[in-house]
Amino acid sequence: MPVTVADLPAYTDIIDVRSPGEFSEDHIPGAINLPVLDDAERERVGTLYKQISSFEAKKVGAALVSRNIAKHLDAWFIDKPKSYRPLVYCWRGGSRSGSLTHVLQKIGFGAVQLEGGYKAYRRHVTAELDRLPALLTYRVVCGPTGSGKSRLLQALADAGAQVLDLEALAAHRGSLLGALPGQPQPSQKSFESAIWFALSRFDLARPVFVESESKKIGALRVPDALIVAMRASTCLRLEVPLAARVRLLTEDYMHFLHDPGTINRQLAYLTPLRGNETVATWQTLANERAWPELVTALLDQHYDPTYLKSLAKNYAASPSDQLFHTDDLSASGLQQLARTILAAA
């Protein structure tokens, strides 16, 4: 019988034989990249196919694939037992994955080729992201910027709760200043793969805790069906004093302390919304490294009004909502809050 995405857990390893460039854009979570053609080799073979003939391309490609498979046999497969059972895939389940699967089977390994390859996997992810979100129950953590929502999600996860941390998956804190230093965001496809992987492993009988995200986190879009499900869910509303929020944000954005120029370039994007005078005042505070004063001003004049407006529109108050107050955003304080939330849930 053909092997499909539903059969993934049955295999020792999932091996992606596509080029490193293809793999970096997106791959099955947990897959190992053992390319049978690297990016330059793939381009070379493709050029031969288009400009000369498929026969010439196949000759050159076969030689390259054979040499690369030999390297992988020496480096990866040499110490694997006969019981080793990998699932192998390429772009559409064709020649690249077929070549490695054939060699491994001839050796005696129980290697199997994924029917339809990455394209079939991608279709599966897209379909599941339309289906799965509505099957789960969510508890949406709401609170103004600096309330410790991301840290609370981690505390909830540590306490055994099911948590979907979309900002962690997106490698972005979800605001104008939310880019993580030295850490680019994943591709849209990779982001969706990570969400599918998380959703597919949740227990449908237990709630999933998630932050009150907008449709976009940085440059990435949250799947429509997930946003719809989140916005129809019970909210856990956090009340945190301003001083505690300022302290937390000063810690979270410490990387700006060494480079006021970076934050000032980002703040400039708010000029059309907040005006030249207001933004200039913020930039002066950044140049003076007056971080508590700057954070307080940003919360009061930009983040809180923006968040409250978005919250009223997308996560409107409901009788089923629960309110939690804390002024302790330390690790121990958030652990205690997580226990309180779980007890109430």
C-alpha atoms as a PDB file:
ATOM      1  CA  MET A   1       0.000   0.000   0.000  1.00  0.00           C
ATOM      2  CA  PRO A   2       1.207   3.570  -0.692  1.00  0.00           C
ATOM      3  CA  VAL A   3       2.699   5.337   2.344  1.00  0.00           C
ATOM      4  CA  THR A   4       1.038   8.668   3.155  1.00  0.00           C
ATOM      5  CA  VAL A   5       1.564  11.511   5.644  1.00  0.00           C
ATOM      6  CA  ALA A   6      -0.718   9.726   8.134  1.00  0.00           C
ATOM      7  CA  ASP A   7       1.895   6.953   8.384  1.00  0.00           C
ATOM      8  CA  LEU A   8       4.798   9.219   9.490  1.00  0.00           C
ATOM      9  CA  PRO A   9       4.959   8.079  13.154  1.00  0.00           C
ATOM     10  CA  ALA A  10       5.624   4.467  12.093  1.00  0.00           C
ATOM     11  CA  TYR A  11       9.148   5.168  10.813  1.00  0.00           C
ATOM     12  CA  THR A  12      12.525   5.345  12.535  1.00  0.00           C
ATOM     13  CA  ASP A  13      13.582   8.472  10.647  1.00  0.00           C
ATOM     14  CA  ILE A  14      12.068  10.781   8.065  1.00  0.00           C
ATOM     15  CA  ILE A  15      14.662  11.619   5.426  1.00  0.00           C
ATOM     16  CA  ASP A  16      14.295  14.629   3.141  1.00  0.00           C
ATOM     17  CA  VAL A  17      16.553  14.212   0.104  1.00  0.00           C
ATOM     18  CA  ARG A  18      15.759  17.605  -1.421  1.00  0.00           C
ATOM     19  CA  SER A  19      18.414  20.308  -1.671  1.00  0.00           C
ATOM     20  CA  PRO A  20      19.339  22.367   1.418  1.00  0.00           C
ATOM     21  CA  GLY A  21      17.534  25.382  -0.028  1.00  0.00           C
ATOM     22  CA  GLU A  22      14.289  23.462  -0.447  1.00  0.00           C
ATOM     23  CA  PHE A  23      14.677  21.969   3.023  1.00  0.00           C
ATOM     24  CA  SER A  24      15.260  25.357   4.687  1.00  0.00           C
ATOM     25  CA  GLU A  25      12.070  26.809   3.227  1.00  0.00           C
ATOM     26  CA  ASP A  26       9.969  24.036   4.755  1.00  0.00           C
ATOM     27  CA  HIS A  27      10.107  20.353   5.615  1.00  0.00           C
ATOM     28  CA  ILE A  28       8.275  17.736   7.597  1.00  0.00           C
ATOM     29  CA  PRO A  29       8.958  18.485  11.300  1.00  0.00           C
ATOM     30  CA  GLY A  30      11.730  16.246  12.590  1.00  0.00           C
ATOM     31  CA  ALA A  31      12.994  15.336   9.120  1.00  0.00           C
ATOM     32  CA  ILE A  32      16.720  14.880   8.433  1.00  0.00           C
ATOM     33  CA  ASN A  33      18.167  16.540   5.339  1.00  0.00           C
ATOM     34  CA  LEU A  34      20.330  14.133   3.338  1.00  0.00           C
ATOM     35  CA  PRO A  35      20.298  15.805  -0.102  1.00  0.00           C
ATOM     36  CA  VAL A  36      21.041  13.684  -3.129  1.00  0.00           C
ATOM     37  CA  LEU A  37      21.620  16.927  -5.059  1.00  0.00           C
ATOM     38  CA  ASP A  38      22.774  20.154  -3.428  1.00  0.00           C
ATOM     39  CA  ASP A  39      21.426  23.528  -4.583  1.00  0.00           C
ATOM     40  CA  ALA A  40      24.095  24.087  -7.249  1.00  0.00           C
ATOM     41  CA  GLU A  41      23.834  20.516  -8.539  1.00  0.00           C
ATOM     42  CA  ARG A  42      20.071  20.738  -8.738  1.00  0.00           C
ATOM     43  CA  GLU A  43      20.333  23.967 -10.728  1.00  0.00           C
ATOM     44  CA  ARG A  44      22.911  22.390 -13.051  1.00  0.00           C
ATOM     45  CA  VAL A  45      20.745  19.361 -13.773  1.00  0.00           C
ATOM     46  CA  GLY A  46      17.659  21.516 -14.260  1.00  0.00           C
ATOM     47  CA  THR A  47      19.488  23.724 -16.743  1.00  0.00           C
ATOM     48  CA  LEU A  48      20.624  20.684 -18.732  1.00  0.00           C
ATOM     49  CA  TYR A  49      17.054  19.367 -18.764  1.00  0.00           C
ATOM     50  CA  LYS A  50      15.670  22.652 -20.128  1.00  0.00           C
ATOM     51  CA  GLN A  51      18.458  23.631 -22.516  1.00  0.00           C
ATOM     52  CA  ILE A  52      19.859  20.284 -23.788  1.00  0.00           C
ATOM     53  CA  SER A  53      17.724  17.206 -23.156  1.00  0.00           C
ATOM     54  CA  SER A  54      16.279  15.048 -20.409  1.00  0.00           C
ATOM     55  CA  PHE A  55      18.739  12.280 -21.394  1.00  0.00           C
ATOM     56  CA  GLU A  56      21.819  14.462 -20.789  1.00  0.00           C
ATOM     57  CA  ALA A  57      20.320  15.762 -17.561  1.00  0.00           C
ATOM     58  CA  LYS A  58      19.658  12.245 -16.309  1.00  0.00           C
ATOM     59  CA  LYS A  59      23.217  11.096 -17.069  1.00  0.00           C
ATOM     60  CA  VAL A  60      24.783  13.953 -15.146  1.00  0.00           C
ATOM     61  CA  GLY A  61      22.150  13.742 -12.411  1.00  0.00           C
ATOM     62  CA  ALA A  62      22.643  10.009 -11.930  1.00  0.00           C
ATOM     63  CA  ALA A  63      26.382  10.463 -11.431  1.00  0.00           C
ATOM     64  CA  LEU A  64      25.862  13.271  -8.895  1.00  0.00           C
ATOM     65  CA  VAL A  65      23.122  11.419  -7.042  1.00  0.00           C
ATOM     66  CA  SER A  66      25.233   8.254  -6.865  1.00  0.00           C
ATOM     67  CA  ARG A  67      28.206  10.090  -5.384  1.00  0.00           C
ATOM     68  CA  ASN A  68      26.033  11.875  -2.822  1.00  0.00           C
ATOM     69  CA  ILE A  69      24.255   8.668  -1.817  1.00  0.00           C
ATOM     70  CA  ALA A  70      27.643   7.028  -1.306  1.00  0.00           C
ATOM     71  CA  LYS A  71      28.635   9.850   1.047  1.00  0.00           C
ATOM     72  CA  HIS A  72      25.436   9.447   3.026  1.00  0.00           C
ATOM     73  CA  LEU A  73      25.946   5.688   3.263  1.00  0.00           C
ATOM     74  CA  ASP A  74      29.357   6.273   4.832  1.00  0.00           C
ATOM     75  CA  ALA A  75      28.294   9.136   7.091  1.00  0.00           C
ATOM     76  CA  TRP A  76      24.729   8.324   8.159  1.00  0.00           C
ATOM     77  CA  PHE A  77      23.684   4.755   7.375  1.00  0.00           C
ATOM     78  CA  ILE A  78      26.870   2.803   8.068  1.00  0.00           C
ATOM     79  CA  ASP A  79      26.037   2.119  11.734  1.00  0.00           C
ATOM     80  CA  LYS A  80      22.298   1.549  11.328  1.00  0.00           C
ATOM     81  CA  PRO A  81      20.929  -1.926  12.201  1.00  0.00           C
ATOM     82  CA  LYS A  82      19.002  -4.060   9.736  1.00  0.00           C
ATOM     83  CA  SER A  83      15.798  -3.113  11.587  1.00  0.00           C
ATOM     84  CA  TYR A  84      16.295   0.544  10.572  1.00  0.00           C
ATOM     85  CA  ARG A  85      13.145   1.707   8.779  1.00  0.00           C
ATOM     86  CA  PRO A  86      13.349   5.209   7.277  1.00  0.00           C
ATOM     87  CA  LEU A  87      10.721   7.053   5.273  1.00  0.00           C
ATOM     88  CA  VAL A  88      12.249   8.944   2.338  1.00  0.00           C
ATOM     89  CA  TYR A  89      10.751  11.847   0.418  1.00  0.00           C
ATOM     90  CA  CYS A  90      11.625  14.461  -2.195  1.00  0.00           C
ATOM     91  CA  TRP A  91       9.577  17.122  -3.996  1.00  0.00           C
ATOM     92  CA  ARG A  92       6.863  14.890  -5.462  1.00  0.00           C
ATOM     93  CA  GLY A  93       7.958  11.335  -4.601  1.00  0.00           C
ATOM     94  CA  GLY A  94       9.949  10.844  -7.796  1.00  0.00           C
ATOM     95  CA  SER A  95      13.491  10.059  -8.852  1.00  0.00           C
ATOM     96  CA  ARG A  96      15.464  11.667  -6.034  1.00  0.00           C
ATOM     97  CA  SER A  97      13.729   9.860  -3.171  1.00  0.00           C
ATOM     98  CA  GLY A  98      13.312   6.783  -5.358  1.00  0.00           C
ATOM     99  CA  SER A  99      17.076   6.530  -5.896  1.00  0.00           C
ATOM    100  CA  LEU A 100      17.958   6.541  -2.204  1.00  0.00           C
ATOM    101  CA  THR A 101      15.039   4.260  -1.309  1.00  0.00           C
ATOM    102  CA  HIS A 102      16.129   1.734  -3.961  1.00  0.00           C
ATOM    103  CA  VAL A 103      19.721   1.612  -2.656  1.00  0.00           C
ATOM    104  CA  LEU A 104      18.612   1.270   0.961  1.00  0.00           C
ATOM    105  CA  GLN A 105      16.194  -1.514   0.097  1.00  0.00           C
ATOM    106  CA  LYS A 106      18.896  -3.390  -1.811  1.00  0.00           C
ATOM    107  CA  ILE A 107      21.109  -3.188   1.280  1.00  0.00           C
ATOM    108  CA  GLY A 108      18.296  -4.720   3.338  1.00  0.00           C
ATOM    109  CA  PHE A 109      16.851  -1.720   5.177  1.00  0.00           C
ATOM    110  CA  GLY A 110      13.081  -1.366   5.375  1.00  0.00           C
ATOM    111  CA  ALA A 111      13.157   1.989   3.563  1.00  0.00           C
ATOM    112  CA  VAL A 112       9.906   3.306   2.098  1.00  0.00           C
ATOM    113  CA  GLN A 113       9.188   6.199  -0.237  1.00  0.00           C
ATOM    114  CA  LEU A 114       6.530   8.776   0.726  1.00  0.00           C
ATOM    115  CA  GLU A 115       3.722   8.751  -1.813  1.00  0.00           C
ATOM    116  CA  GLY A 116       3.533  12.165  -3.498  1.00  0.00           C
ATOM    117  CA  GLY A 117       6.542  13.538  -1.613  1.00  0.00           C
ATOM    118  CA  TYR A 118       6.650  17.007  -0.103  1.00  0.00           C
ATOM    119  CA  LYS A 119       3.785  18.199  -2.319  1.00  0.00           C
ATOM    120  CA  ALA A 120       1.467  15.614  -0.783  1.00  0.00           C
ATOM    121  CA  TYR A 121       2.661  16.590   2.686  1.00  0.00           C
ATOM    122  CA  ARG A 122       1.996  20.259   1.949  1.00  0.00           C
ATOM    123  CA  ARG A 123      -1.535  19.488   0.737  1.00  0.00           C
ATOM    124  CA  HIS A 124      -2.118  17.533   3.945  1.00  0.00           C
ATOM    125  CA  VAL A 125      -0.929  20.434   6.135  1.00  0.00           C
ATOM    126  CA  THR A 126      -3.122  22.933   4.291  1.00  0.00           C
ATOM    127  CA  ALA A 127      -6.193  20.711   4.636  1.00  0.00           C
ATOM    128  CA  GLU A 128      -5.530  19.994   8.316  1.00  0.00           C
ATOM    129  CA  LEU A 129      -5.085  23.682   9.143  1.00  0.00           C
ATOM    130  CA  ASP A 130      -8.592  24.196   7.775  1.00  0.00           C
ATOM    131  CA  ARG A 131      -9.977  21.265   9.805  1.00  0.00           C
ATOM    132  CA  LEU A 132      -8.094  20.908  13.102  1.00  0.00           C
ATOM    133  CA  PRO A 133      -8.517  24.332  14.763  1.00  0.00           C
ATOM    134  CA  ALA A 134     -12.277  23.955  15.120  1.00  0.00           C
ATOM    135  CA  LEU A 135     -11.886  20.623  16.924  1.00  0.00           C
ATOM    136  CA  LEU A 136      -9.951  22.098  19.847  1.00  0.00           C
ATOM    137  CA  THR A 137     -11.015  24.207  22.838  1.00  0.00           C
ATOM    138  CA  TYR A 138      -8.925  27.315  23.521  1.00  0.00           C
ATOM    139  CA  ARG A 139      -8.223  29.551  26.494  1.00  0.00           C
ATOM    140  CA  VAL A 140      -6.979  32.846  25.075  1.00  0.00           C
ATOM    141  CA  VAL A 141      -4.573  34.786  27.312  1.00  0.00           C
ATOM    142  CA  CYS A 142      -5.327  38.508  26.963  1.00  0.00           C
ATOM    143  CA  GLY A 143      -3.523  41.421  28.542  1.00  0.00           C
ATOM    144  CA  PRO A 144      -1.865  44.686  27.503  1.00  0.00           C
ATOM    145  CA  THR A 145       1.718  44.776  26.243  1.00  0.00           C
ATOM    146  CA  GLY A 146       4.159  43.793  28.979  1.00  0.00           C
ATOM    147  CA  SER A 147       1.683  41.657  30.941  1.00  0.00           C
ATOM    148  CA  GLY A 148       3.948  38.624  30.627  1.00  0.00           C
ATOM    149  CA  LYS A 149       1.660  36.644  28.330  1.00  0.00           C
ATOM    150  CA  SER A 150       4.500  34.764  26.611  1.00  0.00           C
ATOM    151  CA  ARG A 151       6.192  33.988  29.912  1.00  0.00           C
ATOM    152  CA  LEU A 152       2.868  32.829  31.341  1.00  0.00           C
ATOM    153  CA  LEU A 153       2.398  30.450  28.418  1.00  0.00           C
ATOM    154  CA  GLN A 154       5.792  28.926  29.233  1.00  0.00           C
ATOM    155  CA  ALA A 155       4.817  28.605  32.898  1.00  0.00           C
ATOM    156  CA  LEU A 156       1.560  26.917  31.871  1.00  0.00           C
ATOM    157  CA  ALA A 157       3.468  24.511  29.625  1.00  0.00           C
ATOM    158  CA  ASP A 158       5.882  23.736  32.482  1.00  0.00           C
ATOM    159  CA  ALA A 159       2.857  22.977  34.663  1.00  0.00           C
ATOM    160  CA  GLY A 160       1.625  20.404  32.141  1.00  0.00           C
ATOM    161  CA  ALA A 161      -0.909  22.457  30.176  1.00  0.00           C
ATOM    162  CA  GLN A 162      -1.308  22.254  26.417  1.00  0.00           C
ATOM    163  CA  VAL A 163       0.173  25.458  24.992  1.00  0.00           C
ATOM    164  CA  LEU A 164       0.335  26.850  21.475  1.00  0.00           C
ATOM    165  CA  ASP A 165       2.979  29.597  21.548  1.00  0.00           C
ATOM    166  CA  LEU A 166       2.517  31.227  18.160  1.00  0.00           C
ATOM    167  CA  GLU A 167       5.101  33.943  18.797  1.00  0.00           C
ATOM    168  CA  ALA A 168       7.748  31.333  19.584  1.00  0.00           C
ATOM    169  CA  LEU A 169       6.879  29.446  16.393  1.00  0.00           C
ATOM    170  CA  ALA A 170       6.999  32.710  14.427  1.00  0.00           C
ATOM    171  CA  ALA A 171      10.267  33.874  16.064  1.00  0.00           C
ATOM    172  CA  HIS A 172       8.706  37.287  16.676  1.00  0.00           C
ATOM    173  CA  ARG A 173       7.089  39.090  19.610  1.00  0.00           C
ATOM    174  CA  GLY A 174       4.279  40.380  17.453  1.00  0.00           C
ATOM    175  CA  SER A 175       4.833  44.148  17.519  1.00  0.00           C
ATOM    176  CA  LEU A 176       6.768  46.822  15.649  1.00  0.00           C
ATOM    177  CA  LEU A 177       9.733  46.173  17.950  1.00  0.00           C
ATOM    178  CA  GLY A 178       9.108  42.430  18.097  1.00  0.00           C
ATOM    179  CA  ALA A 179      11.874  41.121  15.831  1.00  0.00           C
ATOM    180  CA  LEU A 180      14.280  38.861  17.732  1.00  0.00           C
ATOM    181  CA  PRO A 181      17.936  39.912  17.442  1.00  0.00           C
ATOM    182  CA  GLY A 182      19.908  37.631  15.132  1.00  0.00           C
ATOM    183  CA  GLN A 183      16.927  35.343  14.552  1.00  0.00           C
ATOM    184  CA  PRO A 184      15.060  35.667  11.248  1.00  0.00           C
ATOM    185  CA  GLN A 185      11.465  34.543  10.996  1.00  0.00           C
ATOM    186  CA  PRO A 186      10.773  31.187   9.331  1.00  0.00           C
ATOM    187  CA  SER A 187       9.044  30.997   5.976  1.00  0.00           C
ATOM    188  CA  GLN A 188       5.242  31.044   5.905  1.00  0.00           C
ATOM    189  CA  LYS A 189       5.190  27.365   4.934  1.00  0.00           C
ATOM    190  CA  SER A 190       7.534  26.436   7.779  1.00  0.00           C
ATOM    191  CA  PHE A 191       5.406  28.415  10.243  1.00  0.00           C
ATOM    192  CA  GLU A 192       2.307  26.544   9.089  1.00  0.00           C
ATOM    193  CA  SER A 193       4.123  23.216   9.389  1.00  0.00           C
ATOM    194  CA  ALA A 194       5.044  24.022  12.990  1.00  0.00           C
ATOM    195  CA  ILE A 195       1.442  24.973  13.816  1.00  0.00           C
ATOM    196  CA  TRP A 196       0.073  21.796  12.211  1.00  0.00           C
ATOM    197  CA  PHE A 197       2.637  19.678  14.069  1.00  0.00           C
ATOM    198  CA  ALA A 198       1.596  21.213  17.403  1.00  0.00           C
ATOM    199  CA  LEU A 199      -2.155  21.017  16.774  1.00  0.00           C
ATOM    200  CA  SER A 200      -1.983  17.429  15.567  1.00  0.00           C
ATOM    201  CA  ARG A 201      -0.471  16.313  18.869  1.00  0.00           C
ATOM    202  CA  PHE A 202      -2.923  17.992  21.224  1.00  0.00           C
ATOM    203  CA  ASP A 203      -5.500  16.030  23.194  1.00  0.00           C
ATOM    204  CA  LEU A 204      -8.910  17.180  21.916  1.00  0.00           C
ATOM    205  CA  ALA A 205     -10.408  16.697  25.395  1.00  0.00           C
ATOM    206  CA  ARG A 206      -8.102  19.258  27.037  1.00  0.00           C
ATOM    207  CA  PRO A 207      -7.958  23.049  26.497  1.00  0.00           C
ATOM    208  CA  VAL A 208      -5.153  24.711  24.567  1.00  0.00           C
ATOM    209  CA  PHE A 209      -3.732  27.945  25.989  1.00  0.00           C
ATOM    210  CA  VAL A 210      -2.804  30.542  23.382  1.00  0.00           C
ATOM    211  CA  GLU A 211      -2.069  34.283  23.313  1.00  0.00           C
ATOM    212  CA  SER A 212      -4.525  36.815  21.863  1.00  0.00           C
ATOM    213  CA  GLU A 213      -2.699  37.249  18.565  1.00  0.00           C
ATOM    214  CA  SER A 214      -3.703  39.320  15.575  1.00  0.00           C
ATOM    215  CA  LYS A 215      -3.821  37.890  12.064  1.00  0.00           C
ATOM    216  CA  LYS A 216      -0.127  38.628  11.518  1.00  0.00           C
ATOM    217  CA  ILE A 217       2.926  38.034  13.688  1.00  0.00           C
ATOM    218  CA  GLY A 218       5.699  40.027  12.107  1.00  0.00           C
ATOM    219  CA  ALA A 219       5.639  39.047   8.432  1.00  0.00           C
ATOM    220  CA  LEU A 220       3.762  35.779   9.013  1.00  0.00           C
ATOM    221  CA  ARG A 221       0.039  35.095   8.755  1.00  0.00           C
ATOM    222  CA  VAL A 222      -1.800  32.985  11.322  1.00  0.00           C
ATOM    223  CA  PRO A 223      -4.073  30.449   9.540  1.00  0.00           C
ATOM    224  CA  ASP A 224      -7.601  31.794   9.108  1.00  0.00           C
ATOM    225  CA  ALA A 225      -9.373  28.834  10.708  1.00  0.00           C
ATOM    226  CA  LEU A 226      -7.194  29.142  13.813  1.00  0.00           C
ATOM    227  CA  ILE A 227      -7.844  32.874  14.204  1.00  0.00           C
ATOM    228  CA  VAL A 228     -11.598  32.281  13.853  1.00  0.00           C
ATOM    229  CA  ALA A 229     -11.514  29.568  16.532  1.00  0.00           C
ATOM    230  CA  MET A 230      -9.406  31.680  18.898  1.00  0.00           C
ATOM    231  CA  ARG A 231     -11.677  34.708  18.593  1.00  0.00           C
ATOM    232  CA  ALA A 232     -14.703  32.602  19.507  1.00  0.00           C
ATOM    233  CA  SER A 233     -13.042  31.261  22.669  1.00  0.00           C
ATOM    234  CA  THR A 234     -13.027  32.055  26.384  1.00  0.00           C
ATOM    235  CA  CYS A 235     -10.459  34.685  27.368  1.00  0.00           C
ATOM    236  CA  LEU A 236      -8.248  34.781  30.446  1.00  0.00           C
ATOM    237  CA  ARG A 237      -7.783  38.498  31.061  1.00  0.00           C
ATOM    238  CA  LEU A 238      -4.667  39.655  32.917  1.00  0.00           C
ATOM    239  CA  GLU A 239      -4.537  42.802  35.029  1.00  0.00           C
ATOM    240  CA  VAL A 240      -0.947  43.877  35.700  1.00  0.00           C
ATOM    241  CA  PRO A 241       0.199  47.241  37.143  1.00  0.00           C
ATOM    242  CA  LEU A 242       2.038  49.582  34.790  1.00  0.00           C
ATOM    243  CA  ALA A 243       5.271  49.527  36.821  1.00  0.00           C
ATOM    244  CA  ALA A 244       5.529  45.729  36.565  1.00  0.00           C
ATOM    245  CA  ARG A 245       4.904  45.869  32.819  1.00  0.00           C
ATOM    246  CA  VAL A 246       7.606  48.496  32.343  1.00  0.00           C
ATOM    247  CA  ARG A 247      10.124  46.357  34.231  1.00  0.00           C
ATOM    248  CA  LEU A 248       9.318  43.294  32.135  1.00  0.00           C
ATOM    249  CA  LEU A 249       9.539  45.137  28.814  1.00  0.00           C
ATOM    250  CA  THR A 250      12.847  46.732  29.780  1.00  0.00           C
ATOM    251  CA  GLU A 251      14.181  43.202  30.339  1.00  0.00           C
ATOM    252  CA  ASP A 252      12.682  41.771  27.135  1.00  0.00           C
ATOM    253  CA  TYR A 253      14.030  44.558  24.934  1.00  0.00           C
ATOM    254  CA  MET A 254      17.449  44.803  26.557  1.00  0.00           C
ATOM    255  CA  HIS A 255      19.092  44.416  23.113  1.00  0.00           C
ATOM    256  CA  PHE A 256      17.996  47.965  22.284  1.00  0.00           C
ATOM    257  CA  LEU A 257      19.945  49.381  25.235  1.00  0.00           C
ATOM    258  CA  HIS A 258      23.181  49.065  23.291  1.00  0.00           C
ATOM    259  CA  ASP A 259      21.871  50.516  20.047  1.00  0.00           C
ATOM    260  CA  PRO A 260      19.383  53.409  20.322  1.00  0.00           C
ATOM    261  CA  GLY A 261      19.722  53.905  16.566  1.00  0.00           C
ATOM    262  CA  THR A 262      17.946  50.626  15.936  1.00  0.00           C
ATOM    263  CA  ILE A 263      14.908  51.462  18.052  1.00  0.00           C
ATOM    264  CA  ASN A 264      14.764  54.979  16.606  1.00  0.00           C
ATOM    265  CA  ARG A 265      14.609  53.625  13.066  1.00  0.00           C
ATOM    266  CA  GLN A 266      11.693  51.417  14.088  1.00  0.00           C
ATOM    267  CA  LEU A 267       9.934  54.225  15.936  1.00  0.00           C
ATOM    268  CA  ALA A 268      10.102  56.360  12.809  1.00  0.00           C
ATOM    269  CA  TYR A 269       7.575  54.018  11.186  1.00  0.00           C
ATOM    270  CA  LEU A 270       5.000  55.253  13.724  1.00  0.00           C
ATOM    271  CA  THR A 271       5.266  58.882  12.576  1.00  0.00           C
ATOM    272  CA  PRO A 272       2.209  58.748  10.268  1.00  0.00           C
ATOM    273  CA  LEU A 273       0.165  57.310  13.157  1.00  0.00           C
ATOM    274  CA  ARG A 274       1.458  59.285  16.148  1.00  0.00           C
ATOM    275  CA  GLY A 275       2.909  62.445  14.602  1.00  0.00           C
ATOM    276  CA  ASN A 276       6.387  63.968  14.295  1.00  0.00           C
ATOM    277  CA  GLU A 277       6.431  65.615  17.701  1.00  0.00           C
ATOM    278  CA  THR A 278       5.477  62.501  19.677  1.00  0.00           C
ATOM    279  CA  VAL A 279       7.910  60.241  17.828  1.00  0.00           C
ATOM    280  CA  ALA A 280      10.703  62.810  18.172  1.00  0.00           C
ATOM    281  CA  THR A 281      10.124  62.843  21.946  1.00  0.00           C
ATOM    282  CA  TRP A 282      10.377  59.039  22.049  1.00  0.00           C
ATOM    283  CA  GLN A 283      13.581  59.133  20.010  1.00  0.00           C
ATOM    284  CA  THR A 284      15.092  61.684  22.371  1.00  0.00           C
ATOM    285  CA  LEU A 285      14.371  59.388  25.312  1.00  0.00           C
ATOM    286  CA  ALA A 286      16.039  56.522  23.408  1.00  0.00           C
ATOM    287  CA  ASN A 287      19.127  58.642  22.699  1.00  0.00           C
ATOM    288  CA  GLU A 288      19.287  59.518  26.392  1.00  0.00           C
ATOM    289  CA  ARG A 289      18.856  55.823  27.261  1.00  0.00           C
ATOM    290  CA  ALA A 290      15.940  56.775  29.487  1.00  0.00           C
ATOM    291  CA  TRP A 291      14.423  53.328  29.081  1.00  0.00           C
ATOM    292  CA  PRO A 292      11.775  53.279  31.844  1.00  0.00           C
ATOM    293  CA  GLU A 293      10.526  56.691  30.699  1.00  0.00           C
ATOM    294  CA  LEU A 294      10.508  55.611  27.044  1.00  0.00           C
ATOM    295  CA  VAL A 295       8.678  52.338  27.744  1.00  0.00           C
ATOM    296  CA  THR A 296       6.104  54.130  29.888  1.00  0.00           C
ATOM    297  CA  ALA A 297       5.486  56.690  27.145  1.00  0.00           C
ATOM    298  CA  LEU A 298       5.188  54.028  24.449  1.00  0.00           C
ATOM    299  CA  LEU A 299       2.690  52.054  26.514  1.00  0.00           C
ATOM    300  CA  ASP A 300       0.603  55.074  27.404  1.00  0.00           C
ATOM    301  CA  GLN A 301       0.635  56.778  23.997  1.00  0.00           C
ATOM    302  CA  HIS A 302       0.778  53.860  21.557  1.00  0.00           C
ATOM    303  CA  TYR A 303       0.673  50.255  22.708  1.00  0.00           C
ATOM    304  CA  ASP A 304      -2.181  50.388  25.228  1.00  0.00           C
ATOM    305  CA  PRO A 305      -4.598  52.364  23.017  1.00  0.00           C
ATOM    306  CA  THR A 306      -3.773  50.115  20.045  1.00  0.00           C
ATOM    307  CA  TYR A 307      -4.138  46.906  22.048  1.00  0.00           C
ATOM    308  CA  LEU A 308      -7.414  47.924  23.719  1.00  0.00           C
ATOM    309  CA  LYS A 309      -8.905  48.849  20.357  1.00  0.00           C
ATOM    310  CA  SER A 310      -7.817  45.520  18.839  1.00  0.00           C
ATOM    311  CA  LEU A 311      -9.032  43.579  21.877  1.00  0.00           C
ATOM    312  CA  ALA A 312     -12.482  45.160  21.773  1.00  0.00           C
ATOM    313  CA  LYS A 313     -12.791  44.247  18.108  1.00  0.00           C
ATOM    314  CA  ASN A 314     -11.268  40.761  18.047  1.00  0.00           C
ATOM    315  CA  TYR A 315     -11.546  39.381  21.596  1.00  0.00           C
ATOM    316  CA  ALA A 316     -14.611  41.149  22.964  1.00  0.00           C
ATOM    317  CA  ALA A 317     -15.560  40.599  26.587  1.00  0.00           C
ATOM    318  CA  SER A 318     -17.798  37.615  27.323  1.00  0.00           C
ATOM    319  CA  PRO A 319     -19.533  36.344  30.491  1.00  0.00           C
ATOM    320  CA  SER A 320     -17.372  33.216  30.302  1.00  0.00           C
ATOM    321  CA  ASP A 321     -14.121  35.196  30.551  1.00  0.00           C
ATOM    322  CA  GLN A 322     -11.967  34.944  33.667  1.00  0.00           C
ATOM    323  CA  LEU A 323     -10.009  37.787  35.274  1.00  0.00           C
ATOM    324  CA  PHE A 324      -6.616  37.302  36.934  1.00  0.00           C
ATOM    325  CA  HIS A 325      -4.591  39.992  38.710  1.00  0.00           C
ATOM    326  CA  THR A 326      -0.870  39.878  39.446  1.00  0.00           C
ATOM    327  CA  ASP A 327       1.915  42.341  40.112  1.00  0.00           C
ATOM    328  CA  ASP A 328       4.585  39.626  40.223  1.00  0.00           C
ATOM    329  CA  LEU A 329       5.940  38.750  36.782  1.00  0.00           C
ATOM    330  CA  SER A 330       8.968  36.904  38.132  1.00  0.00           C
ATOM    331  CA  ALA A 331       9.404  33.244  37.254  1.00  0.00           C
ATOM    332  CA  SER A 332       7.990  32.146  40.614  1.00  0.00           C
ATOM    333  CA  GLY A 333       5.144  34.648  40.382  1.00  0.00           C
ATOM    334  CA  LEU A 334       4.107  33.399  36.957  1.00  0.00           C
ATOM    335  CA  GLN A 335       4.381  29.786  38.090  1.00  0.00           C
ATOM    336  CA  GLN A 336       1.948  30.581  40.886  1.00  0.00           C
ATOM    337  CA  LEU A 337      -0.369  32.362  38.440  1.00  0.00           C
ATOM    338  CA  ALA A 338      -0.238  29.338  36.115  1.00  0.00           C
ATOM    339  CA  ARG A 339      -1.265  27.059  38.981  1.00  0.00           C
ATOM    340  CA  THR A 340      -4.121  29.402  39.854  1.00  0.00           C
ATOM    341  CA  ILE A 341      -5.329  29.464  36.241  1.00  0.00           C
ATOM    342  CA  LEU A 342      -5.179  25.691  35.900  1.00  0.00           C
ATOM    343  CA  ALA A 343      -7.045  25.229  39.162  1.00  0.00           C
ATOM    344  CA  ALA A 344      -9.761  27.600  37.965  1.00  0.00           C
ATOM    345  CA  ALA A 345      -9.924  25.889  34.570  1.00  0.00           C
END
